[in-house]
Amino acid sequence: TLTEETGCIDQDVPPFVVAENGEPIGTVEDGDSVVF
């Protein structure tokens, strides 16, 4: 959707969030672990 709407290449894709029923499925919360 974002590449078709904007015509951008990959490095410039606008940010997005995956959600279910209007709620993001992957916020970072207490007790989580994160690897970059």
ModelCIF file with pLDDT and N, C-alpha, C, O atoms, coordinates in Angstrom:
data_MODEL
#
_entry.id   MODEL 
#
_entity.id                         1 
_entity.type                       polymer 
_entity.pdbx_number_of_molecules   1 
#
_entity_poly.entity_id                      1 
_entity_poly.type                           'polypeptide(L)' 
_entity_poly.nstd_linkage                   no 
_entity_poly.nstd_monomer                   no 
_entity_poly.pdbx_seq_one_letter_code       TLTEETGCIDQDVPPFVVAENGEPIGTVEDGDSVVF 
_entity_poly.pdbx_seq_one_letter_code_can   TLTEETGCIDQDVPPFVVAENGEPIGTVEDGDSVVF 
_entity_poly.pdbx_strand_id                 A 
#
loop_
_entity_poly_seq.entity_id 
_entity_poly_seq.num 
_entity_poly_seq.mon_id 
_entity_poly_seq.hetero 
1 1  THR n 
1 2  LEU n 
1 3  THR n 
1 4  GLU n 
1 5  GLU n 
1 6  THR n 
1 7  GLY n 
1 8  CYS n 
1 9  ILE n 
1 10 ASP n 
1 11 GLN n 
1 12 ASP n 
1 13 VAL n 
1 14 PRO n 
1 15 PRO n 
1 16 PHE n 
1 17 VAL n 
1 18 VAL n 
1 19 ALA n 
1 20 GLU n 
1 21 ASN n 
1 22 GLY n 
1 23 GLU n 
1 24 PRO n 
1 25 ILE n 
1 26 GLY n 
1 27 THR n 
1 28 VAL n 
1 29 GLU n 
1 30 ASP n 
1 31 GLY n 
1 32 ASP n 
1 33 SER n 
1 34 VAL n 
1 35 VAL n 
1 36 PHE n 
#
_struct_asym.id          A 
_struct_asym.entity_id   1 
#
loop_
_ma_qa_metric.id 
_ma_qa_metric.mode 
_ma_qa_metric.name 
_ma_qa_metric.software_group_id 
_ma_qa_metric.type 
1 global pLDDT . pLDDT 
2 local  pLDDT . pLDDT 
#
_ma_qa_metric_global.metric_id      1 
_ma_qa_metric_global.metric_value   97.61 
_ma_qa_metric_global.model_id       1 
_ma_qa_metric_global.ordinal_id     1 
#
loop_
_ma_qa_metric_local.label_asym_id 
_ma_qa_metric_local.label_comp_id 
_ma_qa_metric_local.label_seq_id 
_ma_qa_metric_local.metric_id 
_ma_qa_metric_local.metric_value 
_ma_qa_metric_local.model_id 
_ma_qa_metric_local.ordinal_id 
A THR 1  2 98.00 1 1  
A LEU 2  2 98.00 1 2  
A THR 3  2 98.00 1 3  
A GLU 4  2 97.00 1 4  
A GLU 5  2 98.00 1 5  
A THR 6  2 97.00 1 6  
A GLY 7  2 96.00 1 7  
A CYS 8  2 96.00 1 8  
A ILE 9  2 96.00 1 9  
A ASP 10 2 98.00 1 10 
A GLN 11 2 97.00 1 11 
A ASP 12 2 97.00 1 12 
A VAL 13 2 98.00 1 13 
A PRO 14 2 98.00 1 14 
A PRO 15 2 98.00 1 15 
A PHE 16 2 98.00 1 16 
A VAL 17 2 98.00 1 17 
A VAL 18 2 98.00 1 18 
A ALA 19 2 98.00 1 19 
A GLU 20 2 97.00 1 20 
A ASN 21 2 96.00 1 21 
A GLY 22 2 97.00 1 22 
A GLU 23 2 98.00 1 23 
A PRO 24 2 98.00 1 24 
A ILE 25 2 98.00 1 25 
A GLY 26 2 98.00 1 26 
A THR 27 2 98.00 1 27 
A VAL 28 2 98.00 1 28 
A GLU 29 2 98.00 1 29 
A ASP 30 2 98.00 1 30 
A GLY 31 2 98.00 1 31 
A ASP 32 2 98.00 1 32 
A SER 33 2 98.00 1 33 
A VAL 34 2 98.00 1 34 
A VAL 35 2 98.00 1 35 
A PHE 36 2 98.00 1 36 
#
loop_
_atom_site.group_PDB 
_atom_site.id 
_atom_site.type_symbol 
_atom_site.label_atom_id 
_atom_site.label_alt_id 
_atom_site.label_comp_id 
_atom_site.label_asym_id 
_atom_site.label_entity_id 
_atom_site.label_seq_id 
_atom_site.pdbx_PDB_ins_code 
_atom_site.Cartn_x 
_atom_site.Cartn_y 
_atom_site.Cartn_z 
_atom_site.occupancy 
_atom_site.B_iso_or_equiv 
_atom_site.pdbx_formal_charge 
_atom_site.auth_seq_id 
_atom_site.auth_comp_id 
_atom_site.auth_asym_id 
_atom_site.auth_atom_id 
_atom_site.pdbx_PDB_model_num 
ATOM 1   N N  . THR A 1 1  ? 0.821  -1.213 0.000  1.00 98.00 ? 1  THR A N  1 
ATOM 2   C CA . THR A 1 1  ? 0.000  0.000  0.000  1.00 98.00 ? 1  THR A CA 1 
ATOM 3   C C  . THR A 1 1  ? 0.852  1.259  0.000  1.00 98.00 ? 1  THR A C  1 
ATOM 4   O O  . THR A 1 1  ? 0.607  2.177  -0.783 1.00 98.00 ? 1  THR A O  1 
ATOM 5   N N  . LEU A 1 2  ? 1.852  1.307  0.873  1.00 98.00 ? 2  LEU A N  1 
ATOM 6   C CA . LEU A 1 2  ? 2.644  2.526  1.028  1.00 98.00 ? 2  LEU A CA 1 
ATOM 7   C C  . LEU A 1 2  ? 3.516  2.811  -0.193 1.00 98.00 ? 2  LEU A C  1 
ATOM 8   O O  . LEU A 1 2  ? 3.666  3.969  -0.585 1.00 98.00 ? 2  LEU A O  1 
ATOM 9   N N  . THR A 1 3  ? 4.086  1.785  -0.791 1.00 98.00 ? 3  THR A N  1 
ATOM 10  C CA . THR A 1 3  ? 4.907  2.023  -1.986 1.00 98.00 ? 3  THR A CA 1 
ATOM 11  C C  . THR A 1 3  ? 4.051  2.425  -3.177 1.00 98.00 ? 3  THR A C  1 
ATOM 12  O O  . THR A 1 3  ? 4.468  3.245  -3.995 1.00 98.00 ? 3  THR A O  1 
ATOM 13  N N  . GLU A 1 4  ? 2.853  1.851  -3.279 1.00 97.00 ? 4  GLU A N  1 
ATOM 14  C CA . GLU A 1 4  ? 1.965  2.231  -4.386 1.00 97.00 ? 4  GLU A CA 1 
ATOM 15  C C  . GLU A 1 4  ? 1.449  3.657  -4.207 1.00 97.00 ? 4  GLU A C  1 
ATOM 16  O O  . GLU A 1 4  ? 1.344  4.410  -5.175 1.00 97.00 ? 4  GLU A O  1 
ATOM 17  N N  . GLU A 1 5  ? 1.131  4.022  -2.979 1.00 98.00 ? 5  GLU A N  1 
ATOM 18  C CA . GLU A 1 5  ? 0.604  5.368  -2.727 1.00 98.00 ? 5  GLU A CA 1 
ATOM 19  C C  . GLU A 1 5  ? 1.656  6.453  -2.930 1.00 98.00 ? 5  GLU A C  1 
ATOM 20  O O  . GLU A 1 5  ? 1.361  7.518  -3.473 1.00 98.00 ? 5  GLU A O  1 
ATOM 21  N N  . THR A 1 6  ? 2.863  6.182  -2.498 1.00 97.00 ? 6  THR A N  1 
ATOM 22  C CA . THR A 1 6  ? 3.898  7.226  -2.498 1.00 97.00 ? 6  THR A CA 1 
ATOM 23  C C  . THR A 1 6  ? 4.866  7.131  -3.668 1.00 97.00 ? 6  THR A C  1 
ATOM 24  O O  . THR A 1 6  ? 5.514  8.118  -4.016 1.00 97.00 ? 6  THR A O  1 
ATOM 25  N N  . GLY A 1 7  ? 4.971  5.960  -4.274 1.00 96.00 ? 7  GLY A N  1 
ATOM 26  C CA . GLY A 1 7  ? 5.968  5.749  -5.324 1.00 96.00 ? 7  GLY A CA 1 
ATOM 27  C C  . GLY A 1 7  ? 7.383  5.694  -4.791 1.00 96.00 ? 7  GLY A C  1 
ATOM 28  O O  . GLY A 1 7  ? 8.339  5.799  -5.559 1.00 96.00 ? 7  GLY A O  1 
ATOM 29  N N  . CYS A 1 8  ? 7.531  5.532  -3.487 1.00 96.00 ? 8  CYS A N  1 
ATOM 30  C CA . CYS A 1 8  ? 8.864  5.558  -2.875 1.00 96.00 ? 8  CYS A CA 1 
ATOM 31  C C  . CYS A 1 8  ? 9.601  4.242  -3.094 1.00 96.00 ? 8  CYS A C  1 
ATOM 32  O O  . CYS A 1 8  ? 8.991  3.210  -3.372 1.00 96.00 ? 8  CYS A O  1 
ATOM 33  N N  . ILE A 1 9  ? 10.922 4.297  -2.964 1.00 96.00 ? 9  ILE A N  1 
ATOM 34  C CA . ILE A 1 9  ? 11.721 3.080  -2.939 1.00 96.00 ? 9  ILE A CA 1 
ATOM 35  C C  . ILE A 1 9  ? 11.857 2.622  -1.492 1.00 96.00 ? 9  ILE A C  1 
ATOM 36  O O  . ILE A 1 9  ? 11.452 3.328  -0.569 1.00 96.00 ? 9  ILE A O  1 
ATOM 37  N N  . ASP A 1 10 ? 12.423 1.451  -1.301 1.00 98.00 ? 10 ASP A N  1 
ATOM 38  C CA . ASP A 1 10 ? 12.382 0.784  0.008  1.00 98.00 ? 10 ASP A CA 1 
ATOM 39  C C  . ASP A 1 10 ? 12.899 1.643  1.155  1.00 98.00 ? 10 ASP A C  1 
ATOM 40  O O  . ASP A 1 10 ? 12.280 1.693  2.218  1.00 98.00 ? 10 ASP A O  1 
ATOM 41  N N  . GLN A 1 11 ? 14.023 2.316  0.952  1.00 97.00 ? 11 GLN A N  1 
ATOM 42  C CA . GLN A 1 11 ? 14.637 3.052  2.054  1.00 97.00 ? 11 GLN A CA 1 
ATOM 43  C C  . GLN A 1 11 ? 13.756 4.192  2.564  1.00 97.00 ? 11 GLN A C  1 
ATOM 44  O O  . GLN A 1 11 ? 13.974 4.700  3.664  1.00 97.00 ? 11 GLN A O  1 
ATOM 45  N N  . ASP A 1 12 ? 12.761 4.595  1.769  1.00 97.00 ? 12 ASP A N  1 
ATOM 46  C CA . ASP A 1 12 ? 11.912 5.729  2.121  1.00 97.00 ? 12 ASP A CA 1 
ATOM 47  C C  . ASP A 1 12 ? 10.477 5.342  2.486  1.00 97.00 ? 12 ASP A C  1 
ATOM 48  O O  . ASP A 1 12 ? 9.609  6.211  2.559  1.00 97.00 ? 12 ASP A O  1 
ATOM 49  N N  . VAL A 1 13 ? 10.218 4.061  2.713  1.00 98.00 ? 13 VAL A N  1 
ATOM 50  C CA . VAL A 1 13 ? 8.865  3.629  3.064  1.00 98.00 ? 13 VAL A CA 1 
ATOM 51  C C  . VAL A 1 13 ? 8.437  4.275  4.385  1.00 98.00 ? 13 VAL A C  1 
ATOM 52  O O  . VAL A 1 13 ? 9.169  4.200  5.372  1.00 98.00 ? 13 VAL A O  1 
ATOM 53  N N  . PRO A 1 14 ? 7.262  4.908  4.414  1.00 98.00 ? 14 PRO A N  1 
ATOM 54  C CA . PRO A 1 14 ? 6.788  5.511  5.670  1.00 98.00 ? 14 PRO A CA 1 
ATOM 55  C C  . PRO A 1 14 ? 6.575  4.458  6.753  1.00 98.00 ? 14 PRO A C  1 
ATOM 56  O O  . PRO A 1 14 ? 6.390  3.282  6.440  1.00 98.00 ? 14 PRO A O  1 
ATOM 57  N N  . PRO A 1 15 ? 6.600  4.860  8.012  1.00 98.00 ? 15 PRO A N  1 
ATOM 58  C CA . PRO A 1 15 ? 6.428  3.890  9.105  1.00 98.00 ? 15 PRO A CA 1 
ATOM 59  C C  . PRO A 1 15 ? 5.015  3.310  9.131  1.00 98.00 ? 15 PRO A C  1 
ATOM 60  O O  . PRO A 1 15 ? 4.054  3.939  8.688  1.00 98.00 ? 15 PRO A O  1 
ATOM 61  N N  . PHE A 1 16 ? 4.920  2.098  9.661  1.00 98.00 ? 16 PHE A N  1 
ATOM 62  C CA . PHE A 1 16 ? 3.620  1.434  9.778  1.00 98.00 ? 16 PHE A CA 1 
ATOM 63  C C  . PHE A 1 16 ? 3.601  0.562  11.022 1.00 98.00 ? 16 PHE A C  1 
ATOM 64  O O  . PHE A 1 16 ? 4.642  0.213  11.579 1.00 98.00 ? 16 PHE A O  1 
ATOM 65  N N  . VAL A 1 17 ? 2.394  0.223  11.442 1.00 98.00 ? 17 VAL A N  1 
ATOM 66  C CA . VAL A 1 17 ? 2.172  -0.635 12.605 1.00 98.00 ? 17 VAL A CA 1 
ATOM 67  C C  . VAL A 1 17 ? 1.163  -1.716 12.206 1.00 98.00 ? 17 VAL A C  1 
ATOM 68  O O  . VAL A 1 17 ? 0.153  -1.412 11.572 1.00 98.00 ? 17 VAL A O  1 
ATOM 69  N N  . VAL A 1 18 ? 1.427  -2.956 12.567 1.00 98.00 ? 18 VAL A N  1 
ATOM 70  C CA . VAL A 1 18 ? 0.473  -4.042 12.342 1.00 98.00 ? 18 VAL A CA 1 
ATOM 71  C C  . VAL A 1 18 ? -0.472 -4.103 13.540 1.00 98.00 ? 18 VAL A C  1 
ATOM 72  O O  . VAL A 1 18 ? -0.031 -4.090 14.689 1.00 98.00 ? 18 VAL A O  1 
ATOM 73  N N  . ALA A 1 19 ? -1.772 -4.168 13.261 1.00 98.00 ? 19 ALA A N  1 
ATOM 74  C CA . ALA A 1 19 ? -2.759 -4.098 14.338 1.00 98.00 ? 19 ALA A CA 1 
ATOM 75  C C  . ALA A 1 19 ? -3.889 -5.107 14.111 1.00 98.00 ? 19 ALA A C  1 
ATOM 76  O O  . ALA A 1 19 ? -4.129 -5.563 12.994 1.00 98.00 ? 19 ALA A O  1 
ATOM 77  N N  . GLU A 1 20 ? -4.565 -5.434 15.201 1.00 97.00 ? 20 GLU A N  1 
ATOM 78  C CA . GLU A 1 20 ? -5.787 -6.235 15.168 1.00 97.00 ? 20 GLU A CA 1 
ATOM 79  C C  . GLU A 1 20 ? -6.850 -5.508 15.970 1.00 97.00 ? 20 GLU A C  1 
ATOM 80  O O  . GLU A 1 20 ? -6.619 -5.118 17.115 1.00 97.00 ? 20 GLU A O  1 
ATOM 81  N N  . ASN A 1 21 ? -8.004 -5.329 15.371 1.00 96.00 ? 21 ASN A N  1 
ATOM 82  C CA . ASN A 1 21 ? -9.108 -4.642 16.055 1.00 96.00 ? 21 ASN A CA 1 
ATOM 83  C C  . ASN A 1 21 ? -8.685 -3.277 16.593 1.00 96.00 ? 21 ASN A C  1 
ATOM 84  O O  . ASN A 1 21 ? -9.106 -2.851 17.668 1.00 96.00 ? 21 ASN A O  1 
ATOM 85  N N  . GLY A 1 22 ? -7.844 -2.608 15.815 1.00 97.00 ? 22 GLY A N  1 
ATOM 86  C CA . GLY A 1 22 ? -7.408 -1.270 16.175 1.00 97.00 ? 22 GLY A CA 1 
ATOM 87  C C  . GLY A 1 22 ? -6.302 -1.195 17.195 1.00 97.00 ? 22 GLY A C  1 
ATOM 88  O O  . GLY A 1 22 ? -5.891 -0.099 17.577 1.00 97.00 ? 22 GLY A O  1 
ATOM 89  N N  . GLU A 1 23 ? -5.801 -2.350 17.656 1.00 98.00 ? 23 GLU A N  1 
ATOM 90  C CA . GLU A 1 23 ? -4.738 -2.367 18.652 1.00 98.00 ? 23 GLU A CA 1 
ATOM 91  C C  . GLU A 1 23 ? -3.440 -2.915 18.061 1.00 98.00 ? 23 GLU A C  1 
ATOM 92  O O  . GLU A 1 23 ? -3.457 -3.974 17.433 1.00 98.00 ? 23 GLU A O  1 
ATOM 93  N N  . PRO A 1 24 ? -2.313 -2.219 18.248 1.00 98.00 ? 24 PRO A N  1 
ATOM 94  C CA . PRO A 1 24 ? -1.033 -2.736 17.734 1.00 98.00 ? 24 PRO A CA 1 
ATOM 95  C C  . PRO A 1 24 ? -0.691 -4.071 18.370 1.00 98.00 ? 24 PRO A C  1 
ATOM 96  O O  . PRO A 1 24 ? -0.932 -4.277 19.560 1.00 98.00 ? 24 PRO A O  1 
ATOM 97  N N  . ILE A 1 25 ? -0.129 -4.979 17.580 1.00 98.00 ? 25 ILE A N  1 
ATOM 98  C CA . ILE A 1 25 ? 0.125  -6.339 18.078 1.00 98.00 ? 25 ILE A CA 1 
ATOM 99  C C  . ILE A 1 25 ? 1.501  -6.500 18.700 1.00 98.00 ? 25 ILE A C  1 
ATOM 100 O O  . ILE A 1 25 ? 1.820  -7.569 19.222 1.00 98.00 ? 25 ILE A O  1 
ATOM 101 N N  . GLY A 1 26 ? 2.334  -5.444 18.655 1.00 98.00 ? 26 GLY A N  1 
ATOM 102 C CA . GLY A 1 26 ? 3.708  -5.673 19.096 1.00 98.00 ? 26 GLY A CA 1 
ATOM 103 C C  . GLY A 1 26 ? 4.374  -4.531 19.808 1.00 98.00 ? 26 GLY A C  1 
ATOM 104 O O  . GLY A 1 26 ? 5.552  -4.268 19.567 1.00 98.00 ? 26 GLY A O  1 
ATOM 105 N N  . THR A 1 27 ? 3.652  -3.825 20.695 1.00 98.00 ? 27 THR A N  1 
ATOM 106 C CA . THR A 1 27 ? 4.322  -2.801 21.490 1.00 98.00 ? 27 THR A CA 1 
ATOM 107 C C  . THR A 1 27 ? 5.308  -3.473 22.452 1.00 98.00 ? 27 THR A C  1 
ATOM 108 O O  . THR A 1 27 ? 5.161  -4.649 22.787 1.00 98.00 ? 27 THR A O  1 
ATOM 109 N N  . VAL A 1 28 ? 6.301  -2.719 22.884 1.00 98.00 ? 28 VAL A N  1 
ATOM 110 C CA . VAL A 1 28 ? 7.307  -3.241 23.809 1.00 98.00 ? 28 VAL A CA 1 
ATOM 111 C C  . VAL A 1 28 ? 6.868  -2.920 25.232 1.00 98.00 ? 28 VAL A C  1 
ATOM 112 O O  . VAL A 1 28 ? 6.633  -1.760 25.570 1.00 98.00 ? 28 VAL A O  1 
ATOM 113 N N  . GLU A 1 29 ? 6.759  -3.953 26.063 1.00 98.00 ? 29 GLU A N  1 
ATOM 114 C CA . GLU A 1 29 ? 6.217  -3.800 27.408 1.00 98.00 ? 29 GLU A CA 1 
ATOM 115 C C  . GLU A 1 29 ? 7.201  -4.323 28.454 1.00 98.00 ? 29 GLU A C  1 
ATOM 116 O O  . GLU A 1 29 ? 8.180  -4.995 28.130 1.00 98.00 ? 29 GLU A O  1 
ATOM 117 N N  . ASP A 1 30 ? 6.914  -3.994 29.725 1.00 98.00 ? 30 ASP A N  1 
ATOM 118 C CA . ASP A 1 30 ? 7.711  -4.528 30.833 1.00 98.00 ? 30 ASP A CA 1 
ATOM 119 C C  . ASP A 1 30 ? 7.794  -6.056 30.722 1.00 98.00 ? 30 ASP A C  1 
ATOM 120 O O  . ASP A 1 30 ? 6.805  -6.721 30.414 1.00 98.00 ? 30 ASP A O  1 
ATOM 121 N N  . GLY A 1 31 ? 8.984  -6.598 30.976 1.00 98.00 ? 31 GLY A N  1 
ATOM 122 C CA . GLY A 1 31 ? 9.180  -8.036 30.942 1.00 98.00 ? 31 GLY A CA 1 
ATOM 123 C C  . GLY A 1 31 ? 9.563  -8.584 29.586 1.00 98.00 ? 31 GLY A C  1 
ATOM 124 O O  . GLY A 1 31 ? 9.815  -9.782 29.452 1.00 98.00 ? 31 GLY A O  1 
ATOM 125 N N  . ASP A 1 32 ? 9.611  -7.724 28.570 1.00 98.00 ? 32 ASP A N  1 
ATOM 126 C CA . ASP A 1 32 ? 9.995  -8.173 27.227 1.00 98.00 ? 32 ASP A CA 1 
ATOM 127 C C  . ASP A 1 32 ? 11.520 -8.166 27.068 1.00 98.00 ? 32 ASP A C  1 
ATOM 128 O O  . ASP A 1 32 ? 12.243 -7.634 27.910 1.00 98.00 ? 32 ASP A O  1 
ATOM 129 N N  . SER A 1 33 ? 11.983 -8.762 25.985 1.00 98.00 ? 33 SER A N  1 
ATOM 130 C CA . SER A 1 33 ? 13.384 -8.673 25.563 1.00 98.00 ? 33 SER A CA 1 
ATOM 131 C C  . SER A 1 33 ? 13.427 -8.150 24.134 1.00 98.00 ? 33 SER A C  1 
ATOM 132 O O  . SER A 1 33 ? 12.535 -8.421 23.330 1.00 98.00 ? 33 SER A O  1 
ATOM 133 N N  . VAL A 1 34 ? 14.487 -7.390 23.831 1.00 98.00 ? 34 VAL A N  1 
ATOM 134 C CA . VAL A 1 34 ? 14.652 -6.811 22.495 1.00 98.00 ? 34 VAL A CA 1 
ATOM 135 C C  . VAL A 1 34 ? 16.074 -7.069 22.015 1.00 98.00 ? 34 VAL A C  1 
ATOM 136 O O  . VAL A 1 34 ? 17.036 -6.831 22.746 1.00 98.00 ? 34 VAL A O  1 
ATOM 137 N N  . VAL A 1 35 ? 16.204 -7.556 20.785 1.00 98.00 ? 35 VAL A N  1 
ATOM 138 C CA . VAL A 1 35 ? 17.502 -7.672 20.123 1.00 98.00 ? 35 VAL A CA 1 
ATOM 139 C C  . VAL A 1 35 ? 17.490 -6.808 18.873 1.00 98.00 ? 35 VAL A C  1 
ATOM 140 O O  . VAL A 1 35 ? 16.604 -6.937 18.028 1.00 98.00 ? 35 VAL A O  1 
ATOM 141 N N  . PHE A 1 36 ? 18.473 -5.931 18.759 1.00 98.00 ? 36 PHE A N  1 
ATOM 142 C CA . PHE A 1 36 ? 18.702 -5.224 17.505 1.00 98.00 ? 36 PHE A CA 1 
ATOM 143 C C  . PHE A 1 36 ? 19.691 -6.076 16.721 1.00 98.00 ? 36 PHE A C  1 
ATOM 144 O O  . PHE A 1 36 ? 20.069 -5.714 15.607 1.00 98.00 ? 36 PHE A O  1 
#
